[in-house]
Amino acid sequence: MLDRIKERMNARERLSDEIRAILEKQEMAAERAVNYVRGGFTAFALSAVVFVVPDAQTPTSTKIYTFMLGSWLIYACVLFFFLRRRDLYYRRLKYLSITVDMTLMQISAIGSLFNHSGIYEVYRTPMIWVVIALFNVMASLRYSVAACLYSAALVVINNAIFLPIAIKVANPPLVSHSVYLGEGLCLDDVVYTIIFTATSGVFAAVIAWNSRRLILQSASDSLSRERLVQDRDRLAKYFSKDVVDLVLNNPESLGQGGQRMTATVLFADIRNFTQLSTVMQPEQVVELLNRYFSTMVDIIFKNGGTLDKFLGDGLMALFGVPYPIEKPEERAVRTALEMLDALTEMNRELEAKGMLRLDIGVGINAGPVVAGNIGSSQRHEYTVIGDTVNLAARLEALNKETRTQILVSASIHNAIKNSFRTRQLGPLRIRGKPEPIEVFAVMPTDADLDATPASMIPASSSFI
């Protein structure tokens, strides 16, 4: 589980895909905005040409203007319905729209060529160049530097094709100086007008680059914050708040490979829960387990431990792993005692409802372990393995035979003997161990130290 979070924190490629999706969504939103401007402009201009000033133009110019604006409006309407699908993204759509916009605006220049003032209307009046510059600048809304430069290049290419044709058709006198009234066309002024208009596309590219950079940074920060919250929520299910902060601030400290560490391992298991679950409804079983685990995990976290895993109706907790803590043995024993106190309170409520009480056994051991991310290529989790873990599990199971609730090893006893009351059960044989080992029972505060030694009770006896 920790490994998955670590990979997500370092997976820039995956993060880039998510940011790219956000950027593409913004591009399509910008394409819709540009299309609204396109549709509004063409509808207004077409109405003006057809209904307001039809006599101000020559019939040929009016036809060309009407064809150009009508085609432009049809394209805007088709695109409007196409862009209603907000879940679609077409990378080449912006280039298609820019091509249509710039080409149709160049066609309008042909209309002006056949108007009353001819070629002078094209290159002396600012209207068409203002509109071209406007659409050049609007290309920046697409957050694409390439699209803006493509728009600027089309201005130059279209006029490089149109200008020789216009000069050949209109055959104006070419002069070397600027002429604002009368006949005469200065090519220097024409080239200056074309370049100046195309420059607006370069400015748009700068705007698009800066806007794109800000969007990427904002999206990256937003996703990072979202990931951090998600990772914190996931880690909070297994670790205390302090450990969560350590893991998130320094995920590399967990290590991809194994580490030899010293850990205190706690196992807790509900006694006879299998039989208990047979007399309960499935919903009651799940509800009871969830409540039990929630209570016990809160106690583990309170004492600085971490939840390693749930084991059916049992759990495994660690102290001192993945990060060292002070007096992990005492914390583990205190956790076990508080778990018993919490269970006593829970049992009062269960008995008041006419339900059977719960009893648990706890085993605690401390020693060297191997810690790391263990599992398959599809799924792995951070855990610990080793003889220390196995002995803790055996001690938990031994509670059934000794009729005790908390059993600890000699290593735990040596660390806690001045802080907690214990009772020596003597060397006991434990499955998997060639020689008997010293086992101690931790006594609750209300326990009787003079009680009959648990080791004298037959293994077949019932347990508490």
Protein backbone atom coordinates (compact mmCIF):
# COMPACT_ATOMS: atom_id res chain seq x y z
CA MET A 1 0.00 0.00 0.00
CA LEU A 2 2.83 2.39 0.91
CA ASP A 3 4.61 1.40 -2.27
CA ARG A 4 1.59 2.32 -4.38
CA ILE A 5 1.41 5.75 -2.74
CA LYS A 6 5.14 6.23 -3.22
CA GLU A 7 4.90 5.35 -6.90
CA ARG A 8 2.02 7.77 -7.38
CA MET A 9 3.94 10.56 -5.72
CA ASN A 10 6.87 9.99 -8.09
CA ALA A 11 4.93 9.03 -11.24
CA ARG A 12 5.38 12.20 -13.27
CA GLU A 13 4.29 10.52 -16.46
CA ARG A 14 0.90 9.65 -15.04
CA LEU A 15 0.57 13.12 -13.57
CA SER A 16 1.39 14.60 -16.95
CA ASP A 17 -1.45 12.64 -18.52
CA GLU A 18 -3.90 14.06 -16.02
CA ILE A 19 -2.60 17.60 -16.51
CA ARG A 20 -2.78 17.10 -20.26
CA ALA A 21 -6.42 16.09 -19.91
CA ILE A 22 -7.12 19.30 -17.97
CA LEU A 23 -5.35 21.36 -20.62
CA GLU A 24 -7.26 19.65 -23.43
CA LYS A 25 -10.51 20.41 -21.64
CA GLN A 26 -9.49 24.06 -21.42
CA GLU A 27 -8.56 24.10 -25.10
CA MET A 28 -11.99 22.81 -26.10
CA ALA A 29 -13.64 25.38 -23.84
CA ALA A 30 -11.57 28.08 -25.57
CA GLU A 31 -12.57 26.68 -28.97
CA ARG A 32 -16.20 27.09 -27.99
CA ALA A 33 -15.54 30.68 -26.89
CA VAL A 34 -13.81 31.48 -30.19
CA ASN A 35 -16.71 29.94 -32.06
CA TYR A 36 -19.19 32.14 -30.19
CA VAL A 37 -17.21 35.19 -31.34
CA ARG A 38 -17.01 33.75 -34.86
CA GLY A 39 -20.75 33.14 -35.02
CA GLY A 40 -21.69 36.50 -33.54
CA PHE A 41 -19.34 38.43 -35.80
CA THR A 42 -20.39 36.69 -39.02
CA ALA A 43 -24.10 36.99 -38.20
CA PHE A 44 -23.71 40.72 -37.54
CA ALA A 45 -21.54 41.35 -40.62
CA LEU A 46 -23.81 39.31 -42.90
CA SER A 47 -26.87 41.22 -41.70
CA ALA A 48 -25.09 44.51 -42.34
CA VAL A 49 -24.05 43.51 -45.88
CA VAL A 50 -27.47 42.16 -46.86
CA PHE A 51 -29.86 44.51 -45.07
CA VAL A 52 -28.06 47.69 -43.94
CA VAL A 53 -25.56 48.73 -46.64
CA PRO A 54 -26.30 46.58 -49.70
CA ASP A 55 -26.17 49.60 -52.05
CA ALA A 56 -22.82 50.80 -50.72
CA GLN A 57 -21.04 47.89 -52.40
CA THR A 58 -20.87 46.78 -55.99
CA PRO A 59 -23.09 43.77 -56.83
CA THR A 60 -20.00 41.60 -57.32
CA SER A 61 -18.56 42.61 -53.96
CA THR A 62 -21.89 42.03 -52.26
CA LYS A 63 -22.08 38.52 -53.70
CA ILE A 64 -18.54 37.70 -52.61
CA TYR A 65 -19.14 39.16 -49.14
CA THR A 66 -22.40 37.24 -48.82
CA PHE A 67 -20.77 33.98 -49.91
CA MET A 68 -17.84 34.46 -47.57
CA LEU A 69 -19.87 35.49 -44.53
CA GLY A 70 -22.56 32.89 -45.20
CA SER A 71 -19.99 30.10 -45.45
CA TRP A 72 -18.31 31.37 -42.32
CA LEU A 73 -21.62 31.43 -40.43
CA ILE A 74 -22.50 27.90 -41.59
CA TYR A 75 -19.13 26.67 -40.36
CA ALA A 76 -19.73 28.36 -37.00
CA CYS A 77 -23.18 26.72 -36.68
CA VAL A 78 -21.86 23.26 -37.58
CA LEU A 79 -19.03 23.68 -35.12
CA PHE A 80 -21.46 24.86 -32.45
CA PHE A 81 -23.39 21.57 -32.54
CA PHE A 82 -20.18 19.58 -32.86
CA LEU A 83 -18.67 21.24 -29.77
CA ARG A 84 -21.69 20.47 -27.63
CA ARG A 85 -20.03 17.14 -26.83
CA ARG A 86 -17.84 18.36 -24.00
CA ASP A 87 -16.13 15.02 -23.53
CA LEU A 88 -14.46 15.11 -26.95
CA TYR A 89 -11.07 16.50 -27.86
CA TYR A 90 -9.73 16.96 -31.39
CA ARG A 91 -6.15 18.11 -31.55
CA ARG A 92 -6.36 19.26 -35.18
CA LEU A 93 -9.63 21.16 -34.78
CA LYS A 94 -7.86 24.39 -33.87
CA TYR A 95 -5.78 24.24 -37.04
CA LEU A 96 -8.87 23.56 -39.14
CA SER A 97 -10.68 26.53 -37.59
CA ILE A 98 -7.69 28.83 -38.08
CA THR A 99 -7.42 27.74 -41.72
CA VAL A 100 -11.12 28.40 -42.33
CA ASP A 101 -11.01 31.77 -40.57
CA MET A 102 -7.95 33.10 -42.36
CA THR A 103 -8.95 31.73 -45.77
CA LEU A 104 -12.46 33.16 -45.66
CA MET A 105 -11.16 36.53 -44.50
CA GLN A 106 -8.78 36.51 -47.47
CA ILE A 107 -11.75 35.80 -49.73
CA SER A 108 -13.37 38.96 -48.36
CA ALA A 109 -10.32 40.82 -49.66
CA ILE A 110 -11.25 39.56 -53.12
CA GLY A 111 -14.67 41.13 -52.59
CA SER A 112 -13.01 44.42 -51.77
CA LEU A 113 -10.89 44.07 -54.89
CA PHE A 114 -14.09 44.28 -56.96
CA ASN A 115 -15.56 47.11 -54.92
CA HIS A 116 -15.63 50.78 -55.82
CA SER A 117 -12.14 51.55 -54.52
CA GLY A 118 -10.66 48.28 -55.71
CA ILE A 119 -7.24 47.30 -54.45
CA TYR A 120 -6.93 50.52 -52.46
CA GLU A 121 -9.85 49.43 -50.28
CA VAL A 122 -7.93 46.29 -49.43
CA TYR A 123 -4.63 47.83 -48.41
CA ARG A 124 -5.59 51.34 -47.30
CA THR A 125 -8.61 50.68 -45.07
CA PRO A 126 -7.94 49.00 -41.72
CA MET A 127 -11.16 46.99 -41.36
CA ILE A 128 -10.05 43.65 -42.78
CA TRP A 129 -6.64 43.87 -41.08
CA VAL A 130 -8.24 44.64 -37.71
CA VAL A 131 -10.46 41.57 -38.05
CA ILE A 132 -7.49 39.39 -39.05
CA ALA A 133 -5.47 40.72 -36.11
CA LEU A 134 -8.42 40.04 -33.78
CA PHE A 135 -8.63 36.40 -34.83
CA ASN A 136 -4.86 36.13 -34.61
CA VAL A 137 -4.98 37.27 -30.99
CA MET A 138 -7.92 34.97 -30.23
CA ALA A 139 -5.73 32.04 -31.23
CA SER A 140 -3.96 32.54 -27.89
CA LEU A 141 -7.12 31.31 -26.14
CA ARG A 142 -6.23 27.84 -27.39
CA TYR A 143 -3.07 27.83 -25.22
CA SER A 144 -1.07 26.58 -28.20
CA VAL A 145 2.04 28.43 -29.33
CA ALA A 146 2.11 26.38 -32.55
CA ALA A 147 -1.49 27.34 -33.37
CA CYS A 148 -0.71 31.05 -32.90
CA LEU A 149 2.37 30.88 -35.11
CA TYR A 150 0.39 28.90 -37.67
CA SER A 151 -2.24 31.66 -37.71
CA ALA A 152 0.45 34.31 -38.21
CA ALA A 153 2.05 32.27 -40.99
CA LEU A 154 -1.28 31.94 -42.81
CA VAL A 155 -1.58 35.73 -42.93
CA VAL A 156 1.74 35.93 -44.76
CA ILE A 157 1.09 32.91 -47.01
CA ASN A 158 -2.42 34.00 -48.03
CA ASN A 159 -1.25 37.50 -48.88
CA ALA A 160 1.81 36.19 -50.70
CA ILE A 161 -0.66 34.37 -52.96
CA PHE A 162 -3.29 37.12 -53.08
CA LEU A 163 -1.09 40.22 -53.59
CA PRO A 164 0.38 39.27 -57.01
CA ILE A 165 -3.09 38.27 -58.22
CA ALA A 166 -4.59 41.54 -56.93
CA ILE A 167 -1.88 43.62 -58.63
CA LYS A 168 -2.37 41.74 -61.88
CA VAL A 169 -6.17 42.16 -61.80
CA ALA A 170 -6.29 45.79 -60.61
CA ASN A 171 -3.06 46.88 -62.33
CA PRO A 172 -2.53 49.90 -60.00
CA PRO A 173 0.40 52.24 -60.53
CA LEU A 174 3.21 51.17 -58.21
CA VAL A 175 4.94 54.01 -56.38
CA SER A 176 7.90 54.21 -54.03
CA HIS A 177 6.23 56.45 -51.43
CA SER A 178 3.10 56.28 -49.29
CA VAL A 179 -0.10 57.42 -50.96
CA TYR A 180 -3.23 57.93 -48.89
CA LEU A 181 -5.37 59.72 -51.47
CA GLY A 182 -5.46 59.18 -55.20
CA GLU A 183 -4.00 56.40 -57.25
CA GLY A 184 -0.77 54.64 -56.48
CA LEU A 185 0.16 51.60 -54.42
CA CYS A 186 3.33 51.51 -52.32
CA LEU A 187 4.48 47.91 -51.95
CA ASP A 188 6.55 48.83 -48.90
CA ASP A 189 3.37 49.97 -47.14
CA VAL A 190 1.57 46.79 -48.20
CA VAL A 191 4.34 44.55 -46.90
CA TYR A 192 4.47 46.56 -43.67
CA THR A 193 0.70 46.13 -43.21
CA ILE A 194 0.94 42.37 -43.78
CA ILE A 195 3.91 41.93 -41.45
CA PHE A 196 2.40 44.14 -38.75
CA THR A 197 -0.85 42.15 -38.86
CA ALA A 198 1.01 38.85 -38.78
CA THR A 199 3.00 40.09 -35.78
CA SER A 200 -0.22 39.99 -33.75
CA GLY A 201 -0.02 36.22 -34.11
CA VAL A 202 3.48 36.27 -32.62
CA PHE A 203 2.20 38.34 -29.69
CA ALA A 204 -0.62 35.81 -29.34
CA ALA A 205 1.97 33.02 -29.19
CA VAL A 206 3.69 34.76 -26.26
CA ILE A 207 0.33 35.10 -24.50
CA ALA A 208 -0.51 31.46 -25.21
CA TRP A 209 2.86 30.27 -23.90
CA ASN A 210 2.49 32.22 -20.66
CA SER A 211 -1.15 31.16 -20.21
CA ARG A 212 -0.28 27.54 -20.88
CA ARG A 213 2.55 27.68 -18.37
CA LEU A 214 0.26 29.14 -15.71
CA ILE A 215 -2.43 26.54 -16.40
CA LEU A 216 0.08 23.70 -16.22
CA GLN A 217 1.49 25.02 -12.96
CA SER A 218 -1.98 25.54 -11.50
CA ALA A 219 -3.14 22.09 -12.60
CA SER A 220 0.02 20.48 -11.26
CA ASP A 221 -0.37 22.21 -7.89
CA SER A 222 -4.05 21.31 -7.74
CA LEU A 223 -3.40 17.65 -8.56
CA SER A 224 -0.53 17.52 -6.09
CA ARG A 225 -2.76 18.86 -3.34
CA GLU A 226 -5.50 16.41 -4.30
CA ARG A 227 -3.05 13.51 -4.32
CA LEU A 228 -1.64 14.59 -0.98
CA VAL A 229 -5.11 14.61 0.58
CA GLN A 230 -5.91 11.20 -0.92
CA ASP A 231 -2.61 9.72 0.19
CA ARG A 232 -3.00 11.20 3.65
CA ASP A 233 -6.49 9.69 3.94
CA ARG A 234 -5.22 6.27 2.84
CA LEU A 235 -2.22 6.36 5.14
CA ALA A 236 -4.37 7.52 8.05
CA LYS A 237 -6.10 4.13 7.95
CA TYR A 238 -2.81 2.41 8.81
CA PHE A 239 -0.64 4.96 10.60
CA SER A 240 -0.89 7.59 13.29
CA LYS A 241 -0.84 11.24 12.25
CA ASP A 242 2.84 11.72 13.10
CA VAL A 243 3.89 8.72 11.02
CA VAL A 244 1.68 9.87 8.14
CA ASP A 245 3.51 13.21 8.12
CA LEU A 246 6.88 11.44 8.14
CA VAL A 247 5.93 9.14 5.27
CA LEU A 248 4.57 11.96 3.11
CA ASN A 249 7.52 14.24 3.81
CA ASN A 250 10.10 11.54 3.13
CA PRO A 251 8.65 8.64 1.11
CA GLU A 252 12.14 7.52 0.01
CA SER A 253 12.94 6.55 3.58
CA LEU A 254 10.69 3.50 3.23
CA GLY A 255 13.02 2.05 0.65
CA GLN A 256 12.13 -0.16 -2.30
CA GLY A 257 14.12 -3.10 -0.95
CA GLY A 258 14.22 -4.79 2.43
CA GLN A 259 15.64 -3.27 5.60
CA ARG A 260 16.73 -4.97 8.80
CA MET A 261 15.06 -3.20 11.68
CA THR A 262 14.09 -3.77 15.30
CA ALA A 263 10.34 -3.90 15.76
CA THR A 264 7.78 -4.61 18.44
CA VAL A 265 5.02 -6.76 16.98
CA LEU A 266 1.51 -7.10 18.44
CA PHE A 267 -1.08 -9.67 17.41
CA ALA A 268 -4.67 -9.52 18.68
CA ASP A 269 -7.42 -12.00 17.89
CA ILE A 270 -11.05 -12.44 18.94
CA ARG A 271 -11.68 -15.73 20.73
CA ASN A 272 -14.27 -18.14 19.26
CA PHE A 273 -15.46 -15.55 16.76
CA THR A 274 -16.16 -18.22 14.13
CA GLN A 275 -18.73 -19.87 16.40
CA LEU A 276 -20.04 -16.48 17.43
CA SER A 277 -20.63 -15.44 13.82
CA THR A 278 -22.79 -18.50 13.16
CA VAL A 279 -25.50 -17.23 15.53
CA MET A 280 -25.46 -13.69 14.14
CA GLN A 281 -26.81 -12.18 10.96
CA PRO A 282 -24.15 -11.25 8.36
CA GLU A 283 -24.98 -7.57 8.78
CA GLN A 284 -24.46 -7.85 12.52
CA VAL A 285 -21.13 -9.61 12.06
CA VAL A 286 -19.80 -6.89 9.75
CA GLU A 287 -21.11 -4.10 11.97
CA LEU A 288 -19.58 -5.65 15.08
CA LEU A 289 -16.20 -6.24 13.43
CA ASN A 290 -16.09 -2.72 12.02
CA ARG A 291 -16.83 -1.24 15.41
CA TYR A 292 -14.29 -3.47 17.12
CA PHE A 293 -11.53 -2.72 14.61
CA SER A 294 -12.24 1.03 14.64
CA THR A 295 -11.89 1.11 18.42
CA MET A 296 -8.72 -0.97 18.48
CA VAL A 297 -7.02 0.89 15.63
CA ASP A 298 -7.67 4.21 17.36
CA ILE A 299 -5.91 2.86 20.44
CA ILE A 300 -2.96 1.65 18.33
CA PHE A 301 -2.58 5.05 16.70
CA LYS A 302 -2.95 6.82 20.03
CA ASN A 303 0.12 4.97 21.31
CA GLY A 304 2.21 5.62 18.20
CA GLY A 305 1.75 2.23 16.57
CA THR A 306 0.95 1.37 12.98
CA LEU A 307 -1.61 -1.06 11.63
CA ASP A 308 0.14 -3.68 9.54
CA LYS A 309 -2.93 -5.63 8.45
CA PHE A 310 -6.27 -7.11 9.41
CA LEU A 311 -6.31 -10.90 9.71
CA GLY A 312 -9.93 -12.00 9.53
CA ASP A 313 -11.13 -11.24 13.06
CA GLY A 314 -7.61 -10.37 14.18
CA LEU A 315 -5.04 -7.69 13.52
CA MET A 316 -1.30 -7.16 13.46
CA ALA A 317 0.25 -3.91 14.68
CA LEU A 318 3.83 -2.63 14.70
CA PHE A 319 5.70 -0.28 17.01
CA GLY A 320 8.99 1.27 15.95
CA VAL A 321 8.41 0.52 12.26
CA PRO A 322 8.65 2.12 9.74
CA TYR A 323 10.09 4.87 11.97
CA PRO A 324 11.69 4.51 15.41
CA ILE A 325 9.74 5.65 18.46
CA GLU A 326 10.60 5.90 22.14
CA LYS A 327 9.90 2.87 24.32
CA PRO A 328 8.03 0.82 21.69
CA GLU A 329 7.69 -2.16 24.07
CA GLU A 330 5.88 -0.07 26.69
CA ARG A 331 3.68 1.48 24.03
CA ALA A 332 2.69 -1.95 22.75
CA VAL A 333 1.82 -3.25 26.22
CA ARG A 334 -0.10 -0.09 27.04
CA THR A 335 -1.99 -0.56 23.80
CA ALA A 336 -2.92 -4.12 24.77
CA LEU A 337 -4.18 -3.04 28.20
CA GLU A 338 -6.22 -0.20 26.73
CA MET A 339 -7.66 -2.62 24.19
CA LEU A 340 -8.88 -4.81 27.06
CA ASP A 341 -10.41 -1.79 28.82
CA ALA A 342 -12.17 -0.71 25.62
CA LEU A 343 -13.42 -4.25 25.07
CA THR A 344 -14.85 -4.33 28.60
CA GLU A 345 -16.88 -1.23 27.84
CA MET A 346 -17.99 -2.66 24.50
CA ASN A 347 -19.07 -5.90 26.17
CA ARG A 348 -21.28 -4.00 28.59
CA GLU A 349 -23.15 -2.55 25.64
CA LEU A 350 -23.34 -5.91 23.87
CA GLU A 351 -24.71 -7.66 26.95
CA ALA A 352 -27.26 -4.89 27.42
CA LYS A 353 -28.50 -5.70 23.92
CA GLY A 354 -28.64 -9.41 24.68
CA MET A 355 -25.61 -10.19 22.51
CA LEU A 356 -22.67 -12.43 23.35
CA ARG A 357 -19.54 -10.82 24.77
CA LEU A 358 -16.20 -10.67 22.99
CA ASP A 359 -12.88 -11.88 24.39
CA ILE A 360 -9.46 -11.36 22.85
CA GLY A 361 -5.96 -12.67 23.18
CA VAL A 362 -2.88 -10.52 22.60
CA GLY A 363 0.69 -11.62 21.90
CA ILE A 364 3.65 -9.21 21.86
CA ASN A 365 7.28 -9.78 20.92
CA ALA A 366 10.22 -7.56 20.01
CA GLY A 367 13.31 -8.25 17.97
CA PRO A 368 14.92 -8.04 14.54
CA VAL A 369 12.69 -8.12 11.46
CA VAL A 370 13.02 -7.62 7.72
CA ALA A 371 10.83 -4.69 6.62
CA GLY A 372 9.97 -3.82 3.05
CA ASN A 373 7.47 -3.84 0.22
CA ILE A 374 6.48 -7.48 -0.15
CA GLY A 375 4.07 -9.04 -2.65
CA SER A 376 3.57 -9.71 -6.34
CA SER A 377 4.13 -7.44 -9.32
CA GLN A 378 0.40 -6.63 -9.28
CA ARG A 379 0.08 -5.93 -5.58
CA HIS A 380 2.48 -5.49 -2.69
CA GLU A 381 2.44 -3.82 0.70
CA TYR A 382 4.85 -2.59 3.31
CA THR A 383 5.14 -5.19 6.10
CA VAL A 384 7.63 -7.06 8.29
CA ILE A 385 8.63 -10.71 8.34
CA GLY A 386 10.88 -12.88 10.44
CA ASP A 387 11.03 -15.08 13.53
CA THR A 388 10.07 -12.12 15.73
CA VAL A 389 6.75 -11.88 13.93
CA ASN A 390 6.14 -15.62 14.10
CA LEU A 391 6.75 -15.74 17.85
CA ALA A 392 4.34 -12.86 18.48
CA ALA A 393 1.66 -14.78 16.58
CA ARG A 394 2.42 -17.96 18.57
CA LEU A 395 2.15 -16.05 21.86
CA GLU A 396 -1.24 -14.71 20.86
CA ALA A 397 -2.47 -18.24 20.13
CA LEU A 398 -0.96 -19.53 23.39
CA ASN A 399 -3.44 -17.44 25.38
CA LYS A 400 -6.02 -20.15 24.72
CA GLU A 401 -3.99 -22.76 26.60
CA THR A 402 -2.80 -20.51 29.41
CA ARG A 403 -6.20 -18.89 29.89
CA THR A 404 -4.61 -15.45 29.73
CA GLN A 405 -5.26 -12.37 27.66
CA ILE A 406 -1.84 -10.77 27.13
CA LEU A 407 1.34 -12.79 26.70
CA VAL A 408 4.76 -11.30 26.06
CA SER A 409 8.24 -12.64 25.40
CA ALA A 410 11.28 -12.19 27.63
CA SER A 411 12.50 -9.28 25.49
CA ILE A 412 9.27 -7.42 26.16
CA HIS A 413 9.28 -8.33 29.86
CA ASN A 414 12.80 -7.00 30.34
CA ALA A 415 11.77 -3.67 28.82
CA ILE A 416 8.51 -3.21 30.76
CA LYS A 417 9.06 -4.95 34.11
CA ASN A 418 9.47 -1.64 35.95
CA SER A 419 6.33 -0.15 34.42
CA PHE A 420 3.78 -2.96 34.29
CA ARG A 421 2.80 -5.92 36.43
CA THR A 422 3.69 -9.27 34.92
CA ARG A 423 3.52 -12.91 35.93
CA GLN A 424 6.07 -15.47 34.81
CA LEU A 425 4.52 -18.58 33.33
CA GLY A 426 7.82 -20.41 33.12
CA PRO A 427 9.57 -21.81 30.07
CA LEU A 428 6.88 -23.08 27.70
CA ARG A 429 7.12 -25.13 24.57
CA ILE A 430 5.90 -23.21 21.55
CA ARG A 431 5.28 -24.64 18.14
CA GLY A 432 8.17 -23.89 15.81
CA LYS A 433 10.68 -23.47 18.65
CA PRO A 434 13.15 -26.28 19.43
CA GLU A 435 13.57 -25.23 23.06
CA PRO A 436 11.09 -23.89 25.63
CA ILE A 437 11.07 -20.10 25.95
CA GLU A 438 10.25 -17.77 28.80
CA VAL A 439 6.69 -16.44 28.60
CA PHE A 440 5.14 -13.73 30.75
CA ALA A 441 1.53 -12.69 31.25
CA VAL A 442 0.83 -8.98 31.57
CA MET A 443 -1.62 -8.41 34.39
CA PRO A 444 -4.43 -5.88 34.17
CA THR A 445 -4.56 -3.41 37.04
CA ASP A 446 -7.40 -5.30 38.71
CA ALA A 447 -5.81 -8.75 38.31
CA ASP A 448 -4.78 -10.99 41.22
CA LEU A 449 -1.07 -11.74 41.15
CA ASP A 450 -1.58 -14.67 43.53
CA ALA A 451 -3.86 -16.47 41.11
CA THR A 452 -3.02 -20.01 40.12
CA PRO A 453 -0.20 -19.96 37.54
CA ALA A 454 -1.66 -20.29 34.09
CA SER A 455 0.96 -22.85 33.16
CA MET A 456 -0.64 -25.28 35.63
CA ILE A 457 -3.96 -25.19 33.82
CA PRO A 458 -4.42 -28.06 31.35
CA ALA A 459 -4.32 -27.07 27.71
CA SER A 460 -7.73 -28.62 27.21
CA SER A 461 -9.36 -26.28 29.73
CA SER A 462 -11.72 -23.58 28.55
CA PHE A 463 -10.31 -20.08 28.31
CA ILE A 464 -11.55 -16.71 29.38
